[in-house]
Amino acid sequence: QNLLALQAECAELLEWLPWKDWKEYSPNDPNESAVLEAQMELIDIQHFVVNIGIHLGMTPELFFETFMRKQEENRDRQNRGY
């Protein structure tokens, strides 16, 4: 359920962002209202990510440590041209 909700929230976030490269957006896009809505969708996304982490037995500390370890791996990959 959390994965389905996460997917739905990601789709809702897209509705508030100017992500279509084939569409012309006005210079004011995203406007202040759209930014606030996108921020709320992002919080909903975070809610379901945390739920999944809890289901997997992750503590806040483990979540942070794993995030930092993965970030280091991603930076190393970028440096290697991955």
PDB file of N, CA and C in Angstrom:
ATOM      1  N   GLN A   1       0.820  -1.200   0.000  1.00  0.00           N
ATOM      2  CA  GLN A   1       0.000   0.000   0.000  1.00  0.00           C
ATOM      3  C   GLN A   1       0.865   1.265   0.000  1.00  0.00           C
ATOM      4  N   ASN A   2       1.926   1.232   0.794  1.00  0.00           N
ATOM      5  CA  ASN A   2       2.791   2.410   0.850  1.00  0.00           C
ATOM      6  C   ASN A   2       3.454   2.688  -0.492  1.00  0.00           C
ATOM      7  N   LEU A   3       3.856   1.630  -1.207  1.00  0.00           N
ATOM      8  CA  LEU A   3       4.475   1.839  -2.525  1.00  0.00           C
ATOM      9  C   LEU A   3       3.484   2.413  -3.520  1.00  0.00           C
ATOM     10  N   LEU A   4       2.250   1.929  -3.486  1.00  0.00           N
ATOM     11  CA  LEU A   4       1.227   2.474  -4.381  1.00  0.00           C
ATOM     12  C   LEU A   4       0.934   3.929  -4.036  1.00  0.00           C
ATOM     13  N   ALA A   5       0.839   4.225  -2.751  1.00  0.00           N
ATOM     14  CA  ALA A   5       0.599   5.611  -2.329  1.00  0.00           C
ATOM     15  C   ALA A   5       1.768   6.499  -2.728  1.00  0.00           C
ATOM     16  N   LEU A   6       2.988   5.993  -2.584  1.00  0.00           N
ATOM     17  CA  LEU A   6       4.178   6.744  -2.978  1.00  0.00           C
ATOM     18  C   LEU A   6       4.145   7.059  -4.469  1.00  0.00           C
ATOM     19  N   GLN A   7       3.789   6.074  -5.257  1.00  0.00           N
ATOM     20  CA  GLN A   7       3.704   6.281  -6.705  1.00  0.00           C
ATOM     21  C   GLN A   7       2.634   7.326  -7.041  1.00  0.00           C
ATOM     22  N   ALA A   8       1.502   7.247  -6.377  1.00  0.00           N
ATOM     23  CA  ALA A   8       0.422   8.213  -6.621  1.00  0.00           C
ATOM     24  C   ALA A   8       0.858   9.622  -6.234  1.00  0.00           C
ATOM     25  N   GLU A   9       1.541   9.758  -5.119  1.00  0.00           N
ATOM     26  CA  GLU A   9       2.003  11.079  -4.677  1.00  0.00           C
ATOM     27  C   GLU A   9       3.040  11.651  -5.637  1.00  0.00           C
ATOM     28  N   CYS A  10       3.897  10.796  -6.190  1.00  0.00           N
ATOM     29  CA  CYS A  10       4.873  11.270  -7.185  1.00  0.00           C
ATOM     30  C   CYS A  10       4.160  11.800  -8.419  1.00  0.00           C
ATOM     31  N   ALA A  11       3.119  11.100  -8.841  1.00  0.00           N
ATOM     32  CA  ALA A  11       2.340  11.563  -9.986  1.00  0.00           C
ATOM     33  C   ALA A  11       1.661  12.899  -9.671  1.00  0.00           C
ATOM     34  N   GLU A  12       1.150  13.044  -8.450  1.00  0.00           N
ATOM     35  CA  GLU A  12       0.518  14.306  -8.052  1.00  0.00           C
ATOM     36  C   GLU A  12       1.545  15.442  -8.024  1.00  0.00           C
ATOM     37  N   LEU A  13       2.761  15.151  -7.585  1.00  0.00           N
ATOM     38  CA  LEU A  13       3.813  16.170  -7.568  1.00  0.00           C
ATOM     39  C   LEU A  13       4.087  16.689  -8.980  1.00  0.00           C
ATOM     40  N   LEU A  14       4.117  15.789  -9.947  1.00  0.00           N
ATOM     41  CA  LEU A  14       4.370  16.196 -11.331  1.00  0.00           C
ATOM     42  C   LEU A  14       3.355  17.209 -11.844  1.00  0.00           C
ATOM     43  N   GLU A  15       2.141  17.137 -11.328  1.00  0.00           N
ATOM     44  CA  GLU A  15       1.096  18.059 -11.776  1.00  0.00           C
ATOM     45  C   GLU A  15       1.425  19.506 -11.413  1.00  0.00           C
ATOM     46  N   TRP A  16       2.274  19.711 -10.419  1.00  0.00           N
ATOM     47  CA  TRP A  16       2.586  21.062  -9.944  1.00  0.00           C
ATOM     48  C   TRP A  16       3.908  21.587 -10.464  1.00  0.00           C
ATOM     49  N   LEU A  17       4.652  20.777 -11.213  1.00  0.00           N
ATOM     50  CA  LEU A  17       5.975  21.174 -11.683  1.00  0.00           C
ATOM     51  C   LEU A  17       6.017  21.315 -13.197  1.00  0.00           C
ATOM     52  N   PRO A  18       6.787  22.283 -13.702  1.00  0.00           N
ATOM     53  CA  PRO A  18       6.932  22.441 -15.160  1.00  0.00           C
ATOM     54  C   PRO A  18       7.993  21.469 -15.698  1.00  0.00           C
ATOM     55  N   TRP A  19       7.607  20.208 -15.852  1.00  0.00           N
ATOM     56  CA  TRP A  19       8.580  19.179 -16.210  1.00  0.00           C
ATOM     57  C   TRP A  19       8.546  18.779 -17.682  1.00  0.00           C
ATOM     58  N   LYS A  20       7.549  19.200 -18.407  1.00  0.00           N
ATOM     59  CA  LYS A  20       7.413  18.783 -19.812  1.00  0.00           C
ATOM     60  C   LYS A  20       8.326  19.624 -20.700  1.00  0.00           C
ATOM     61  N   ASP A  21       9.324  18.992 -21.303  1.00  0.00           N
ATOM     62  CA  ASP A  21      10.271  19.763 -22.120  1.00  0.00           C
ATOM     63  C   ASP A  21       9.678  20.180 -23.463  1.00  0.00           C
ATOM     64  N   TRP A  22       8.524  19.629 -23.822  1.00  0.00           N
ATOM     65  CA  TRP A  22       7.880  19.979 -25.084  1.00  0.00           C
ATOM     66  C   TRP A  22       6.836  21.086 -24.905  1.00  0.00           C
ATOM     67  N   LYS A  23       6.623  21.520 -23.681  1.00  0.00           N
ATOM     68  CA  LYS A  23       5.611  22.529 -23.394  1.00  0.00           C
ATOM     69  C   LYS A  23       6.288  23.834 -22.999  1.00  0.00           C
ATOM     70  N   GLU A  24       5.735  24.939 -23.460  1.00  0.00           N
ATOM     71  CA  GLU A  24       6.252  26.242 -23.037  1.00  0.00           C
ATOM     72  C   GLU A  24       5.537  26.671 -21.770  1.00  0.00           C
ATOM     73  N   TYR A  25       6.315  27.033 -20.787  1.00  0.00           N
ATOM     74  CA  TYR A  25       5.776  27.533 -19.526  1.00  0.00           C
ATOM     75  C   TYR A  25       6.054  29.024 -19.445  1.00  0.00           C
ATOM     76  N   SER A  26       5.190  29.728 -18.747  1.00  0.00           N
ATOM     77  CA  SER A  26       5.423  31.156 -18.565  1.00  0.00           C
ATOM     78  C   SER A  26       6.595  31.336 -17.604  1.00  0.00           C
ATOM     79  N   PRO A  27       7.234  32.501 -17.636  1.00  0.00           N
ATOM     80  CA  PRO A  27       8.369  32.742 -16.730  1.00  0.00           C
ATOM     81  C   PRO A  27       7.998  32.617 -15.256  1.00  0.00           C
ATOM     82  N   ASN A  28       6.713  32.745 -14.960  1.00  0.00           N
ATOM     83  CA  ASN A  28       6.262  32.658 -13.570  1.00  0.00           C
ATOM     84  C   ASN A  28       5.956  31.237 -13.127  1.00  0.00           C
ATOM     85  N   ASP A  29       6.119  30.255 -14.016  1.00  0.00           N
ATOM     86  CA  ASP A  29       5.859  28.858 -13.654  1.00  0.00           C
ATOM     87  C   ASP A  29       7.107  28.253 -13.059  1.00  0.00           C
ATOM     88  N   PRO A  30       7.040  27.525 -11.980  1.00  0.00           N
ATOM     89  CA  PRO A  30       5.825  27.369 -11.185  1.00  0.00           C
ATOM     90  C   PRO A  30       5.584  28.602 -10.312  1.00  0.00           C
ATOM     91  N   ASN A  31       4.337  29.017 -10.216  1.00  0.00           N
ATOM     92  CA  ASN A  31       4.009  30.187  -9.406  1.00  0.00           C
ATOM     93  C   ASN A  31       4.034  29.819  -7.916  1.00  0.00           C
ATOM     94  N   GLU A  32       3.881  30.815  -7.077  1.00  0.00           N
ATOM     95  CA  GLU A  32       3.993  30.598  -5.628  1.00  0.00           C
ATOM     96  C   GLU A  32       3.003  29.549  -5.129  1.00  0.00           C
ATOM     97  N   SER A  33       1.793  29.592  -5.636  1.00  0.00           N
ATOM     98  CA  SER A  33       0.781  28.613  -5.241  1.00  0.00           C
ATOM     99  C   SER A  33       1.184  27.201  -5.653  1.00  0.00           C
ATOM    100  N   ALA A  34       1.700  27.068  -6.863  1.00  0.00           N
ATOM    101  CA  ALA A  34       2.133  25.752  -7.345  1.00  0.00           C
ATOM    102  C   ALA A  34       3.319  25.242  -6.535  1.00  0.00           C
ATOM    103  N   VAL A  35       4.215  26.132  -6.156  1.00  0.00           N
ATOM    104  CA  VAL A  35       5.368  25.728  -5.338  1.00  0.00           C
ATOM    105  C   VAL A  35       4.889  25.205  -3.991  1.00  0.00           C
ATOM    106  N   LEU A  36       3.945  25.891  -3.375  1.00  0.00           N
ATOM    107  CA  LEU A  36       3.413  25.436  -2.090  1.00  0.00           C
ATOM    108  C   LEU A  36       2.742  24.076  -2.223  1.00  0.00           C
ATOM    109  N   GLU A  37       1.982  23.893  -3.287  1.00  0.00           N
ATOM    110  CA  GLU A  37       1.331  22.596  -3.517  1.00  0.00           C
ATOM    111  C   GLU A  37       2.370  21.499  -3.753  1.00  0.00           C
ATOM    112  N   ALA A  38       3.406  21.809  -4.513  1.00  0.00           N
ATOM    113  CA  ALA A  38       4.470  20.836  -4.764  1.00  0.00           C
ATOM    114  C   ALA A  38       5.172  20.477  -3.456  1.00  0.00           C
ATOM    115  N   GLN A  39       5.389  21.451  -2.599  1.00  0.00           N
ATOM    116  CA  GLN A  39       6.012  21.178  -1.305  1.00  0.00           C
ATOM    117  C   GLN A  39       5.151  20.238  -0.469  1.00  0.00           C
ATOM    118  N   MET A  40       3.845  20.431  -0.504  1.00  0.00           N
ATOM    119  CA  MET A  40       2.944  19.554   0.242  1.00  0.00           C
ATOM    120  C   MET A  40       2.980  18.132  -0.312  1.00  0.00           C
ATOM    121  N   GLU A  41       3.033  18.012  -1.631  1.00  0.00           N
ATOM    122  CA  GLU A  41       3.133  16.678  -2.231  1.00  0.00           C
ATOM    123  C   GLU A  41       4.451  16.014  -1.837  1.00  0.00           C
ATOM    124  N   LEU A  42       5.514  16.802  -1.781  1.00  0.00           N
ATOM    125  CA  LEU A  42       6.809  16.274  -1.379  1.00  0.00           C
ATOM    126  C   LEU A  42       6.766  15.744   0.056  1.00  0.00           C
ATOM    127  N   ILE A  43       6.050  16.429   0.934  1.00  0.00           N
ATOM    128  CA  ILE A  43       5.890  15.957   2.310  1.00  0.00           C
ATOM    129  C   ILE A  43       5.102  14.654   2.324  1.00  0.00           C
ATOM    130  N   ASP A  44       4.065  14.552   1.505  1.00  0.00           N
ATOM    131  CA  ASP A  44       3.315  13.298   1.406  1.00  0.00           C
ATOM    132  C   ASP A  44       4.233  12.163   0.948  1.00  0.00           C
ATOM    133  N   ILE A  45       5.091  12.453  -0.027  1.00  0.00           N
ATOM    134  CA  ILE A  45       6.047  11.456  -0.517  1.00  0.00           C
ATOM    135  C   ILE A  45       6.957  11.016   0.621  1.00  0.00           C
ATOM    136  N   GLN A  46       7.477  11.987   1.357  1.00  0.00           N
ATOM    137  CA  GLN A  46       8.375  11.668   2.469  1.00  0.00           C
ATOM    138  C   GLN A  46       7.661  10.796   3.505  1.00  0.00           C
ATOM    139  N   HIS A  47       6.403  11.073   3.751  1.00  0.00           N
ATOM    140  CA  HIS A  47       5.616  10.289   4.703  1.00  0.00           C
ATOM    141  C   HIS A  47       5.619   8.809   4.325  1.00  0.00           C
ATOM    142  N   PHE A  48       5.371   8.521   3.061  1.00  0.00           N
ATOM    143  CA  PHE A  48       5.307   7.129   2.633  1.00  0.00           C
ATOM    144  C   PHE A  48       6.690   6.485   2.556  1.00  0.00           C
ATOM    145  N   VAL A  49       7.714   7.263   2.232  1.00  0.00           N
ATOM    146  CA  VAL A  49       9.086   6.728   2.257  1.00  0.00           C
ATOM    147  C   VAL A  49       9.455   6.334   3.685  1.00  0.00           C
ATOM    148  N   VAL A  50       9.126   7.182   4.652  1.00  0.00           N
ATOM    149  CA  VAL A  50       9.410   6.874   6.053  1.00  0.00           C
ATOM    150  C   VAL A  50       8.625   5.640   6.491  1.00  0.00           C
ATOM    151  N   ASN A  51       7.363   5.538   6.087  1.00  0.00           N
ATOM    152  CA  ASN A  51       6.574   4.345   6.421  1.00  0.00           C
ATOM    153  C   ASN A  51       7.249   3.075   5.913  1.00  0.00           C
ATOM    154  N   ILE A  52       7.740   3.121   4.698  1.00  0.00           N
ATOM    155  CA  ILE A  52       8.421   1.962   4.125  1.00  0.00           C
ATOM    156  C   ILE A  52       9.687   1.661   4.926  1.00  0.00           C
ATOM    157  N   GLY A  53      10.440   2.703   5.277  1.00  0.00           N
ATOM    158  CA  GLY A  53      11.636   2.512   6.096  1.00  0.00           C
ATOM    159  C   GLY A  53      11.318   1.869   7.438  1.00  0.00           C
ATOM    160  N   ILE A  54      10.269   2.320   8.077  1.00  0.00           N
ATOM    161  CA  ILE A  54       9.843   1.733   9.353  1.00  0.00           C
ATOM    162  C   ILE A  54       9.504   0.260   9.162  1.00  0.00           C
ATOM    163  N   HIS A  55       8.783  -0.035   8.090  1.00  0.00           N
ATOM    164  CA  HIS A  55       8.415  -1.432   7.788  1.00  0.00           C
ATOM    165  C   HIS A  55       9.659  -2.297   7.601  1.00  0.00           C
ATOM    166  N   LEU A  56      10.739  -1.697   7.096  1.00  0.00           N
ATOM    167  CA  LEU A  56      11.991  -2.420   6.879  1.00  0.00           C
ATOM    168  C   LEU A  56      12.896  -2.413   8.115  1.00  0.00           C
ATOM    169  N   GLY A  57      12.396  -1.843   9.214  1.00  0.00           N
ATOM    170  CA  GLY A  57      13.146  -1.842  10.461  1.00  0.00           C
ATOM    171  C   GLY A  57      14.173  -0.736  10.579  1.00  0.00           C
ATOM    172  N   MET A  58      14.032   0.301   9.801  1.00  0.00           N
ATOM    173  CA  MET A  58      15.010   1.390   9.831  1.00  0.00           C
ATOM    174  C   MET A  58      14.673   2.389  10.934  1.00  0.00           C
ATOM    175  N   THR A  59      15.676   2.711  11.716  1.00  0.00           N
ATOM    176  CA  THR A  59      15.562   3.787  12.697  1.00  0.00           C
ATOM    177  C   THR A  59      15.949   5.087  11.994  1.00  0.00           C
ATOM    178  N   PRO A  60      15.657   6.231  12.599  1.00  0.00           N
ATOM    179  CA  PRO A  60      16.107   7.488  11.986  1.00  0.00           C
ATOM    180  C   PRO A  60      17.623   7.512  11.772  1.00  0.00           C
ATOM    181  N   GLU A  61      18.365   6.972  12.735  1.00  0.00           N
ATOM    182  CA  GLU A  61      19.823   6.948  12.612  1.00  0.00           C
ATOM    183  C   GLU A  61      20.269   6.060  11.453  1.00  0.00           C
ATOM    184  N   LEU A  62      19.664   4.882  11.338  1.00  0.00           N
ATOM    185  CA  LEU A  62      20.013   3.980  10.244  1.00  0.00           C
ATOM    186  C   LEU A  62      19.632   4.592   8.901  1.00  0.00           C
ATOM    187  N   PHE A  63      18.492   5.251   8.853  1.00  0.00           N
ATOM    188  CA  PHE A  63      18.053   5.912   7.628  1.00  0.00           C
ATOM    189  C   PHE A  63      19.103   6.935   7.185  1.00  0.00           C
ATOM    190  N   PHE A  64      19.558   7.771   8.138  1.00  0.00           N
ATOM    191  CA  PHE A  64      20.549   8.799   7.826  1.00  0.00           C
ATOM    192  C   PHE A  64      21.877   8.176   7.413  1.00  0.00           C
ATOM    193  N   GLU A  65      22.347   7.185   8.177  1.00  0.00           N
ATOM    194  CA  GLU A  65      23.620   6.535   7.859  1.00  0.00           C
ATOM    195  C   GLU A  65      23.580   5.887   6.477  1.00  0.00           C
ATOM    196  N   THR A  66      22.480   5.225   6.168  1.00  0.00           N
ATOM    197  CA  THR A  66      22.342   4.568   4.876  1.00  0.00           C
ATOM    198  C   THR A  66      22.281   5.601   3.761  1.00  0.00           C
ATOM    199  N   PHE A  67      21.578   6.705   3.994  1.00  0.00           N
ATOM    200  CA  PHE A  67      21.504   7.788   3.019  1.00  0.00           C
ATOM    201  C   PHE A  67      22.893   8.338   2.726  1.00  0.00           C
ATOM    202  N   MET A  68      23.662   8.604   3.775  1.00  0.00           N
ATOM    203  CA  MET A  68      24.997   9.169   3.599  1.00  0.00           C
ATOM    204  C   MET A  68      25.922   8.187   2.877  1.00  0.00           C
ATOM    205  N   ARG A  69      25.829   6.914   3.220  1.00  0.00           N
ATOM    206  CA  ARG A  69      26.640   5.894   2.553  1.00  0.00           C
ATOM    207  C   ARG A  69      26.303   5.815   1.072  1.00  0.00           C
ATOM    208  N   LYS A  70      25.017   5.872   0.757  1.00  0.00           N
ATOM    209  CA  LYS A  70      24.577   5.819  -0.641  1.00  0.00           C
ATOM    210  C   LYS A  70      25.005   7.076  -1.388  1.00  0.00           C
ATOM    211  N   GLN A  71      24.951   8.223  -0.747  1.00  0.00           N
ATOM    212  CA  GLN A  71      25.410   9.460  -1.377  1.00  0.00           C
ATOM    213  C   GLN A  71      26.890   9.372  -1.733  1.00  0.00           C
ATOM    214  N   GLU A  72      27.677   8.814  -0.825  1.00  0.00           N
ATOM    215  CA  GLU A  72      29.105   8.652  -1.090  1.00  0.00           C
ATOM    216  C   GLU A  72      29.321   7.726  -2.290  1.00  0.00           C
ATOM    217  N   GLU A  73      28.571   6.639  -2.339  1.00  0.00           N
ATOM    218  CA  GLU A  73      28.663   5.718  -3.479  1.00  0.00           C
ATOM    219  C   GLU A  73      28.278   6.416  -4.780  1.00  0.00           C
ATOM    220  N   ASN A  74      27.222   7.218  -4.737  1.00  0.00           N
ATOM    221  CA  ASN A  74      26.786   7.940  -5.943  1.00  0.00           C
ATOM    222  C   ASN A  74      27.839   8.936  -6.410  1.00  0.00           C
ATOM    223  N   ARG A  75      28.463   9.651  -5.468  1.00  0.00           N
ATOM    224  CA  ARG A  75      29.534  10.589  -5.831  1.00  0.00           C
ATOM    225  C   ARG A  75      30.719   9.848  -6.441  1.00  0.00           C
ATOM    226  N   ASP A  76      31.080   8.711  -5.847  1.00  0.00           N
ATOM    227  CA  ASP A  76      32.179   7.910  -6.399  1.00  0.00           C
ATOM    228  C   ASP A  76      31.859   7.459  -7.818  1.00  0.00           C
ATOM    229  N   ARG A  77      30.626   7.045  -8.049  1.00  0.00           N
ATOM    230  CA  ARG A  77      30.214   6.622  -9.396  1.00  0.00           C
ATOM    231  C   ARG A  77      30.329   7.783 -10.386  1.00  0.00           C
ATOM    232  N   GLN A  78      29.883   8.964  -9.984  1.00  0.00           N
ATOM    233  CA  GLN A  78      29.974  10.130 -10.855  1.00  0.00           C
ATOM    234  C   GLN A  78      31.428  10.442 -11.179  1.00  0.00           C
ATOM    235  N   ASN A  79      32.283  10.346 -10.189  1.00  0.00           N
ATOM    236  CA  ASN A  79      33.709  10.616 -10.409  1.00  0.00           C
ATOM    237  C   ASN A  79      34.342   9.592 -11.350  1.00  0.00           C
ATOM    238  N   ARG A  80      33.805   8.382 -11.362  1.00  0.00           N
ATOM    239  CA  ARG A  80      34.314   7.342 -12.267  1.00  0.00           C
ATOM    240  C   ARG A  80      33.637   7.395 -13.628  1.00  0.00           C
ATOM    241  N   GLY A  81      32.718   8.340 -13.838  1.00  0.00           N
ATOM    242  CA  GLY A  81      32.026   8.453 -15.116  1.00  0.00           C
ATOM    243  C   GLY A  81      30.930   7.430 -15.292  1.00  0.00           C
ATOM    244  N   TYR A  82      30.406   6.915 -14.219  1.00  0.00           N
ATOM    245  CA  TYR A  82      29.347   5.898 -14.245  1.00  0.00           C
ATOM    246  C   TYR A  82      28.076   6.451 -14.793  1.00  0.00           C
TER     247      TYR A  82
END
